[in-house]
Protein backbone atom coordinates (compact mmCIF):
# COMPACT_ATOMS: atom_id res chain seq x y z
CA MET A 1 -18.18 -20.98 20.20
CA GLU A 2 -14.48 -20.28 21.14
CA ASN A 3 -13.99 -18.56 17.68
CA LEU A 4 -16.60 -15.87 18.25
CA HIS A 5 -14.92 -13.24 20.46
CA LEU A 6 -17.39 -10.90 22.22
CA ILE A 7 -16.27 -7.67 23.59
CA ASN A 8 -19.28 -5.91 25.31
CA THR A 9 -18.39 -2.20 25.97
CA LYS A 10 -19.99 1.23 26.22
CA LYS A 11 -16.84 2.77 24.97
CA PHE A 12 -17.88 3.08 21.45
CA LYS A 13 -21.24 4.12 20.17
CA THR A 14 -20.77 2.00 17.07
CA ILE A 15 -21.02 -1.80 16.82
CA THR A 16 -18.20 -3.58 15.02
CA VAL A 17 -18.46 -7.00 13.41
CA GLU A 18 -15.13 -8.25 11.93
CA PHE A 19 -14.52 -11.53 10.23
CA ARG A 20 -10.92 -12.69 10.25
CA PHE A 21 -9.52 -15.42 8.12
CA ALA A 22 -6.12 -17.24 8.13
CA LYS A 23 -4.40 -19.67 5.93
CA GLU A 24 -0.84 -20.47 4.82
CA PHE A 25 -0.15 -18.96 1.35
CA ASP A 26 1.88 -19.07 -1.80
CA SER A 27 2.69 -16.22 -4.24
CA PHE A 28 -0.22 -16.66 -6.60
CA SER A 29 -2.61 -17.13 -3.85
CA LYS A 30 -1.49 -13.90 -2.22
CA ALA A 31 -2.23 -12.22 -5.55
CA ARG A 32 -5.92 -13.35 -5.66
CA LEU A 33 -6.54 -12.51 -1.88
CA ILE A 34 -5.02 -8.90 -2.37
CA LEU A 35 -7.12 -8.29 -5.40
CA LEU A 36 -10.31 -9.70 -3.60
CA SER A 37 -9.74 -7.38 -0.83
CA ARG A 38 -9.49 -4.32 -3.08
CA LEU A 39 -12.43 -5.21 -4.85
CA LEU A 40 -14.64 -5.65 -1.98
CA CYS A 41 -13.36 -2.65 -0.09
CA ILE A 42 -13.32 -0.12 -3.03
CA TYR A 43 -15.26 -1.30 -5.99
CA SER A 44 -17.91 -3.33 -4.80
CA GLU A 45 -21.50 -1.77 -4.85
CA LYS A 46 -22.41 -3.74 -1.74
CA TYR A 47 -19.44 -2.67 0.37
CA PRO A 48 -19.79 1.17 0.90
CA ASP A 49 -16.76 2.97 2.03
CA LYS A 50 -16.81 5.94 4.28
CA VAL A 51 -16.63 8.47 1.52
CA SER A 52 -19.79 7.08 -0.33
CA MET A 53 -21.79 6.76 2.82
CA THR A 54 -21.17 10.29 3.66
CA LYS A 55 -22.88 11.41 0.38
CA VAL A 56 -25.37 8.47 0.22
CA ARG A 57 -27.47 6.88 3.01
CA ASP A 58 -30.19 4.99 1.20
CA LEU A 59 -28.89 1.62 2.49
CA LEU A 60 -28.71 1.99 6.29
CA TYR A 61 -27.89 4.88 8.36
CA GLY A 62 -24.31 4.97 9.39
CA ILE A 63 -23.17 1.77 8.10
CA LYS A 64 -19.59 1.09 6.48
CA ALA A 65 -17.73 -1.92 5.55
CA GLY A 66 -14.39 -2.76 4.16
CA SER A 67 -11.52 -5.29 3.95
CA LYS A 68 -7.98 -5.58 4.01
CA VAL A 69 -5.13 -8.06 3.63
CA ARG A 70 -1.88 -8.69 5.83
CA PHE A 71 0.88 -11.21 5.44
CA ASN A 72 2.82 -12.55 8.36
CA ASN A 73 5.47 -14.62 6.64
CA SER A 74 3.70 -17.48 4.89
CA LEU A 75 0.45 -16.81 6.67
CA GLY A 76 -2.17 -14.93 4.84
CA LEU A 77 -4.80 -12.83 6.72
CA MET A 78 -7.97 -11.34 5.26
CA PHE A 79 -10.29 -9.21 7.38
CA ILE A 80 -13.91 -8.07 6.43
CA ARG A 81 -15.32 -5.52 8.73
CA PHE A 82 -18.83 -4.09 9.14
CA GLN A 83 -19.44 -0.86 11.42
CA PHE A 84 -22.65 0.65 12.13
CA VAL A 85 -24.34 2.98 14.85
CA ASN A 86 -25.78 1.04 17.63
CA PRO A 87 -29.52 0.83 16.77
CA LYS A 88 -30.47 2.19 20.44
CA PHE A 89 -29.62 5.57 19.15
CA LEU A 90 -32.01 5.36 16.11
CA THR A 91 -35.80 4.92 15.63
CA ASP A 92 -36.16 3.85 12.11
CA VAL A 93 -33.40 1.02 12.00
CA LYS A 94 -33.29 -2.14 13.98
CA MET A 95 -30.56 -4.88 14.52
CA ASN A 96 -32.23 -7.01 12.09
CA ASP A 97 -31.90 -4.50 9.26
CA TYR A 98 -28.16 -4.56 9.79
CA ILE A 99 -27.92 -8.28 10.04
CA ALA A 100 -30.00 -8.44 6.83
CA PHE A 101 -27.48 -6.13 5.24
CA ILE A 102 -24.21 -8.03 6.49
CA ASP A 103 -25.93 -11.34 5.38
CA GLU A 104 -26.62 -10.18 1.96
CA CYS A 105 -22.93 -8.80 1.60
CA LEU A 106 -21.39 -11.93 2.79
CA LYS A 107 -23.49 -14.41 0.95
CA HIS A 108 -23.76 -12.42 -2.47
CA PRO A 109 -20.76 -10.06 -2.91
CA PHE A 110 -21.19 -8.04 -6.07
CA ILE A 111 -18.04 -9.02 -8.20
CA SER A 112 -18.55 -8.11 -11.77
CA GLU A 113 -16.27 -8.34 -14.80
CA THR A 114 -16.26 -4.66 -15.20
CA LEU A 115 -15.33 -4.01 -11.55
CA PHE A 116 -12.97 -6.98 -11.51
CA GLU A 117 -10.79 -5.60 -14.43
CA GLU A 118 -10.89 -1.96 -13.03
CA ALA A 119 -9.66 -3.17 -9.56
CA ARG A 120 -6.95 -5.32 -11.09
CA ASN A 121 -5.52 -2.53 -13.47
CA ASN A 122 -5.69 0.16 -10.73
CA LEU A 123 -3.97 -2.39 -8.15
CA ILE A 124 -1.10 -3.12 -10.50
CA SER A 125 -0.84 0.74 -11.25
CA ASP A 126 -0.75 1.54 -7.51
CA ILE A 127 2.02 -1.09 -6.92
CA LYS A 128 4.15 0.31 -9.64
CA ARG A 129 3.73 3.76 -8.30
CA SER A 130 4.60 2.62 -4.94
CA LEU A 131 7.65 0.96 -6.19
CA GLU A 132 9.01 4.10 -7.65
CA LYS A 133 9.83 5.60 -4.15
CA PRO A 134 13.30 4.99 -2.94
CA ARG A 135 12.44 3.91 0.57
CA ASN A 136 9.92 1.20 -0.78
CA GLN A 137 12.59 0.17 -3.36
CA GLU A 138 14.95 -0.35 -0.41
CA LEU A 139 12.28 -2.41 1.55
CA GLU A 140 11.58 -4.55 -1.57
CA ARG A 141 15.21 -5.16 -2.02
CA ILE A 142 15.69 -6.23 1.61
CA HIS A 143 12.96 -8.70 1.10
CA ASP A 144 14.51 -10.01 -2.13
CA LEU A 145 17.66 -10.58 -0.29
CA ILE A 146 16.41 -12.16 2.69
CA SER A 147 14.13 -14.50 0.57
CA GLU A 148 17.24 -16.02 -1.11
CA ASP A 149 17.89 -17.65 2.34
CA ILE A 150 14.31 -17.72 3.77
CA LYS A 151 11.58 -18.36 1.35
CA GLU A 152 8.78 -16.93 3.78
CA PHE A 153 10.21 -13.49 2.80
CA SER A 154 9.10 -13.73 -0.71
CA ASN A 155 8.37 -10.30 -2.16
CA TYR A 156 4.45 -9.67 -2.65
CA LYS A 157 4.55 -6.32 -4.20
CA LYS A 158 7.07 -6.57 -7.08
CA ASP A 159 6.78 -10.44 -7.68
CA ILE A 160 2.94 -10.25 -7.41
CA ILE A 161 2.28 -8.16 -10.55
CA SER A 162 2.66 -11.08 -12.99
CA ASP A 163 0.58 -13.15 -10.81
CA LEU A 164 -2.08 -10.33 -10.84
CA GLU A 165 -2.19 -10.46 -14.60
CA LYS A 166 -2.94 -14.20 -14.84
CA VAL A 167 -5.97 -14.02 -12.04
CA THR A 168 -9.44 -14.74 -13.51
CA ILE A 169 -12.65 -13.63 -12.01
CA ASP A 170 -13.70 -17.21 -11.49
CA GLU A 171 -10.68 -17.86 -9.43
CA LEU A 172 -11.48 -14.76 -7.36
CA LYS A 173 -14.88 -15.94 -6.64
CA LYS A 174 -13.71 -19.29 -5.47
CA VAL A 175 -11.24 -17.65 -3.10
CA TYR A 176 -14.16 -15.82 -1.57
CA ALA A 177 -16.00 -18.81 -1.16
CA ASP A 178 -13.00 -20.79 0.37
CA LEU A 179 -12.72 -18.16 3.04
CA PHE A 180 -15.58 -19.57 4.83
CA THR A 181 -14.64 -23.35 4.34
CA ASP A 182 -10.96 -23.71 4.05
CA TYR A 183 -9.54 -20.84 6.38
CA LYS A 184 -9.26 -20.47 10.08
CA LYS A 185 -12.40 -18.18 10.87
CA ASP A 186 -12.47 -15.70 13.96
CA ILE A 187 -15.40 -13.15 14.45
CA PHE A 188 -14.84 -10.21 16.79
CA VAL A 189 -17.84 -8.33 17.99
CA VAL A 190 -17.32 -4.96 19.72
CA GLY A 191 -19.86 -2.75 21.28
CA GLU A 192 -23.31 -3.01 22.97
CA TYR A 193 -24.52 -6.01 20.87
CA ASP A 194 -27.55 -8.27 21.54
CA ASP A 195 -28.44 -11.84 21.24
CA GLU A 196 -29.95 -11.42 17.86
CA LEU A 197 -26.70 -10.36 16.53
CA VAL A 198 -24.74 -13.25 18.45
CA ASP A 199 -27.22 -15.74 17.12
CA TYR A 200 -26.80 -14.75 13.60
CA LEU A 201 -22.87 -14.79 13.82
CA SER A 202 -22.87 -18.22 15.40
CA THR A 203 -24.24 -19.74 12.25
CA TYR A 204 -20.84 -18.91 10.54
CA LEU A 205 -18.87 -21.01 13.19
CA LEU A 206 -20.26 -24.53 12.53
CA SER A 207 -16.73 -25.47 11.19
CA ASN A 208 -13.39 -24.11 11.55
CA LYS A 209 -9.86 -24.76 10.66
CA GLU A 210 -6.85 -24.62 13.03
CA CYS A 211 -4.03 -22.06 11.84
CA LYS A 212 -1.04 -20.90 14.05
CA GLU A 213 1.75 -18.71 13.11
CA LYS A 214 4.96 -20.79 12.65
CA ASP A 215 8.24 -20.12 14.50
CA THR A 216 11.27 -20.87 12.52
CA ILE A 217 15.01 -20.54 13.54
CA TYR A 218 17.57 -20.17 10.76
CA ASP A 219 21.20 -20.38 11.11
CA LEU A 220 21.98 -17.66 8.36
CA LYS A 221 25.60 -17.09 7.01
CA VAL A 222 26.74 -13.71 7.45
CA ARG A 223 26.52 -11.90 3.90
CA GLU A 224 28.91 -9.34 2.38
CA ASP A 225 27.71 -5.76 2.46
CA ILE A 226 25.45 -4.80 -0.38
CA ILE A 227 25.68 -1.30 -1.80
CA GLU A 228 23.45 -0.29 -4.52
CA ASP A 229 22.68 3.16 -6.04
CA THR A 230 19.47 4.75 -6.83
CA ILE A 231 18.50 8.15 -8.24
CA ALA A 232 17.48 9.87 -5.01
CA ASP A 233 18.67 12.66 -2.57
CA GLN A 234 18.37 10.43 0.56
CA SER A 235 20.09 7.22 1.08
CA TYR A 236 18.66 4.09 3.05
CA LEU A 237 20.68 1.90 5.39
CA SER A 238 19.37 -1.39 6.77
CA ILE A 239 21.19 -3.71 9.09
CA VAL A 240 19.61 -7.15 9.78
CA TYR A 241 20.53 -9.20 12.86
CA GLN A 242 19.33 -12.81 13.37
CA SER A 243 18.64 -14.19 16.95
CA PRO A 244 16.74 -17.16 18.44
CA TYR A 245 13.89 -15.14 19.94
CA THR A 246 10.56 -15.89 18.46
CA ARG A 247 7.37 -15.52 20.18
CA SER A 248 7.44 -19.08 21.38
CA HIS A 249 10.84 -18.49 23.26
CA GLU A 250 10.92 -18.27 26.92
CA ASP A 251 12.92 -14.96 26.40
CA TYR A 252 10.24 -13.53 24.00
CA PHE A 253 9.27 -10.56 26.40
CA ALA A 254 13.03 -9.66 27.09
CA PHE A 255 13.27 -9.63 23.31
CA VAL A 256 10.42 -7.18 22.98
CA LEU A 257 11.96 -4.86 25.50
CA THR A 258 15.48 -5.18 24.13
CA ASN A 259 14.15 -4.02 20.89
CA MET A 260 12.58 -1.08 22.81
CA LEU A 261 15.73 0.10 24.34
CA PHE A 262 17.78 -0.67 20.95
CA GLY A 263 15.75 1.49 18.57
CA GLY A 264 11.98 1.03 19.04
CA SER A 265 11.26 4.29 20.59
CA PRO A 266 12.34 8.00 21.05
CA LEU A 267 13.80 6.85 24.46
CA SER A 268 16.06 4.18 22.57
CA LEU A 269 20.01 4.27 22.37
CA LEU A 270 19.72 4.46 18.56
CA PHE A 271 17.45 7.43 18.58
CA GLN A 272 19.12 9.32 21.33
CA GLU A 273 22.78 8.72 20.28
CA VAL A 274 22.70 8.30 16.32
CA ARG A 275 19.80 10.64 15.68
CA GLU A 276 19.72 13.19 18.35
CA LYS A 277 23.28 13.62 19.68
CA ARG A 278 25.21 13.02 16.55
CA SER A 279 22.71 13.78 13.70
CA LEU A 280 23.67 10.97 11.51
CA CYS A 281 20.31 10.00 10.23
CA TYR A 282 16.85 11.58 9.35
CA PHE A 283 14.90 8.44 11.05
CA ILE A 284 16.06 5.37 12.85
CA ASP A 285 13.99 2.30 14.01
CA THR A 286 14.19 -1.23 14.79
CA ILE A 287 11.65 -3.87 13.35
CA PRO A 288 11.61 -7.24 14.95
CA ASN A 289 10.17 -10.23 12.96
CA ARG A 290 8.58 -12.24 15.95
CA ASN A 291 8.35 -15.37 13.83
CA LEU A 292 11.94 -15.77 12.47
CA GLY A 293 13.95 -14.06 15.27
CA LEU A 294 15.14 -11.34 12.66
CA VAL A 295 15.83 -7.72 13.90
CA ARG A 296 16.08 -4.90 11.17
CA VAL A 297 17.58 -1.56 11.88
CA THR A 298 16.37 0.77 9.26
CA THR A 299 17.42 4.40 8.75
CA GLY A 300 17.53 7.15 6.27
CA ILE A 301 20.98 8.96 5.93
CA ASP A 302 23.11 11.10 3.88
CA LYS A 303 25.33 8.92 1.32
CA ASP A 304 28.52 10.05 3.07
CA LYS A 305 27.27 9.04 6.43
CA PHE A 306 27.50 5.21 5.76
CA ASP A 307 30.49 4.20 7.61
CA GLU A 308 29.98 6.40 10.65
CA ALA A 309 26.33 5.45 10.92
CA ARG A 310 27.06 1.83 10.82
CA GLN A 311 29.82 1.95 13.39
CA GLU A 312 27.62 3.97 15.77
CA ILE A 313 24.81 1.42 15.57
CA ASP A 314 27.14 -1.20 16.32
CA ARG A 315 28.46 0.82 19.23
CA GLN A 316 25.05 1.01 20.69
CA LEU A 317 24.32 -2.67 20.28
CA LYS A 318 27.64 -3.35 22.19
CA ARG A 319 26.48 -1.16 24.97
CA LEU A 320 23.50 -3.33 25.50
CA ARG A 321 25.54 -6.42 25.41
CA ASP A 322 27.92 -4.84 28.06
CA GLY A 323 25.15 -3.49 30.27
CA ASP A 324 26.56 0.11 29.57
CA PHE A 325 23.20 1.88 30.23
CA ASP A 326 21.20 2.89 33.19
CA GLN A 327 18.48 1.18 35.05
CA ALA A 328 16.46 4.42 34.33
CA LEU A 329 16.51 3.57 30.57
CA ILE A 330 14.85 0.22 31.39
CA ASP A 331 12.32 1.79 33.81
CA SER A 332 11.24 4.47 31.32
CA SER A 333 11.04 2.17 28.49
CA LYS A 334 8.88 -0.25 30.61
CA ARG A 335 6.52 2.82 31.59
CA LEU A 336 6.21 3.56 27.78
CA MET A 337 5.33 0.13 26.82
CA LEU A 338 2.84 -0.20 29.71
CA ASN A 339 1.28 3.10 28.62
CA ASN A 340 1.07 1.89 24.97
CA ILE A 341 -0.43 -1.52 26.14
CA ASP A 342 -2.93 0.44 28.44
CA SER A 343 -4.00 2.60 25.48
CA ILE A 344 -4.72 -0.55 23.26
CA SER A 345 -8.33 -1.06 24.42
CA ASP A 346 -8.96 2.77 23.32
CA ASP A 347 -8.31 2.08 19.79
CA LEU A 348 -10.47 -0.40 18.16
CA ASP A 349 -7.94 -1.65 15.39
CA ASP A 350 -5.16 -1.91 17.89
CA TYR A 351 -7.35 -3.82 20.44
CA ILE A 352 -8.63 -6.55 17.91
CA ASP A 353 -5.24 -6.78 16.42
CA PHE A 354 -3.75 -7.37 19.84
CA LEU A 355 -6.30 -10.20 20.59
CA TYR A 356 -6.16 -11.77 17.25
CA ASN A 357 -2.31 -11.81 17.27
CA ASN A 358 -2.67 -13.63 20.45
CA LEU A 359 -4.84 -16.28 18.96
CA LEU A 360 -2.39 -17.05 16.32
CA SER A 361 0.47 -17.19 18.51
CA TYR A 362 1.72 -20.32 20.39
CA TYR A 363 0.32 -19.34 23.78
CA PRO A 364 -2.74 -16.85 24.32
CA PHE A 365 -2.10 -14.33 26.94
CA ASP A 366 -4.26 -11.25 27.87
CA ILE A 367 -3.11 -7.59 28.56
CA ASP A 368 -2.38 -8.04 32.21
CA GLU A 369 -0.27 -11.28 31.57
CA TYR A 370 1.53 -9.22 28.99
CA LYS A 371 2.30 -6.35 31.28
CA GLU A 372 3.44 -8.76 34.04
CA LYS A 373 5.96 -10.40 31.83
CA ILE A 374 7.27 -7.11 30.49
CA MET A 375 7.73 -5.97 34.26
CA ALA A 376 9.71 -9.03 34.96
CA VAL A 377 12.57 -8.45 32.43
CA SER A 378 15.80 -7.64 34.21
CA LYS A 379 18.90 -5.88 32.87
CA LYS A 380 20.81 -9.20 32.76
CA ASP A 381 17.89 -10.60 30.50
CA ILE A 382 18.38 -7.51 28.19
CA GLN A 383 22.30 -8.26 28.09
CA ARG A 384 21.77 -11.85 27.35
CA VAL A 385 19.30 -11.11 24.36
CA ALA A 386 21.47 -8.43 23.02
CA SER A 387 24.50 -10.71 23.11
CA ASN A 388 22.59 -13.15 20.94
CA TYR A 389 22.13 -10.76 18.06
CA LYS A 390 24.33 -12.08 15.12
CA PRO A 391 24.91 -9.88 11.98
CA TYR A 392 23.39 -11.18 8.92
CA LEU A 393 22.88 -8.56 6.33
CA CYS A 394 23.89 -5.04 5.59
CA HIS A 395 22.13 -3.22 2.73
CA PHE A 396 22.85 0.30 1.52
CA LEU A 397 20.67 2.16 -1.06
CA ARG A 398 22.85 4.95 -1.88
CA GLY A 399 21.09 8.03 -3.13
CA ILE A 400 22.65 9.82 -6.22
CA ASN A 401 20.78 12.80 -7.68
CA ASN A 402 20.66 13.37 -11.33
CA GLU A 403 23.31 16.02 -11.51
CA GLU A 404 26.03 13.56 -10.26
CA THR A 405 25.02 10.93 -12.83
CA LEU A 406 25.66 13.35 -15.79
């Protein structure tokens, strides 16, 4: 039962059962999966959320359930979680009561026409409101631009609205049924579970599909700077670099640490030099795409700081390439990463995400192996990785307030 992942721990008083499904996706399939998740999590009468269960406890004491969707490039992921109080703390509820509840929810989800229409209309409205925010506009625009060269970056918010309008309730029911037959299926159990629960969950693992994250390296041509205006007080600058470093690359861990030094923490060069010392931005961060080798520097600035901020970002990358930084920065960044890794097991979401991402990657590794590989990264490794960052795209969403447009 390699796809049933049992984590027996007394750290939590709850028991968590989480189904995770993975499959390659196209745009229309994404629309259906997102809508299904919204319907199950918020609208279905059989999937109580935290708020409703605070008010009503006529199903089972303390149980809550929900679902969410995430996309890793062309890979679509859906999670369905059940969490309940360990029966040993209760006198009137047994494990088989929880099992019966989970089984009913999974095998007979409540999807009515009325709830379907309400969920779809509200989801479309939520997406439209989200796209009104300048920072989200900039993110969507970056996805639009990159998707012109890399199809895996197809936009799932803006472009998905028209797909949502076409979805039918029968298609949604079929997607739900397909989760258990056509998707890679992994089940995580965290807490003090018993054999009765394990035996029940094992019935869902009679068949399974293989599904791995795909690493693809693109040789992208450098694009001209793109400057676009929006009605907003703040401006947003993104600089995207390409590199050969994906999760399957032998220098992947040096890539992880390099991004930490570049802009991935409050200790980083970008944070200390661009934000703290020179006050050129309100925030700054680096966001790596581990499957495509892309690194995006994202920052919020005043509109007249574009040239200065961009030059300073380039200067900090050059420092990494030239080795113009102290060993102390490497050591402190490693300690920060190790502390973050050590704390993963204290957070249920982070812990399951860490294990699951490893399962989807090219080579599974546990927390200790991860830490060993991080500690092995040298200054020369960081210089080598930084030297292979090539400029690809610079996008500036320039904020212009209403008075200036009159």
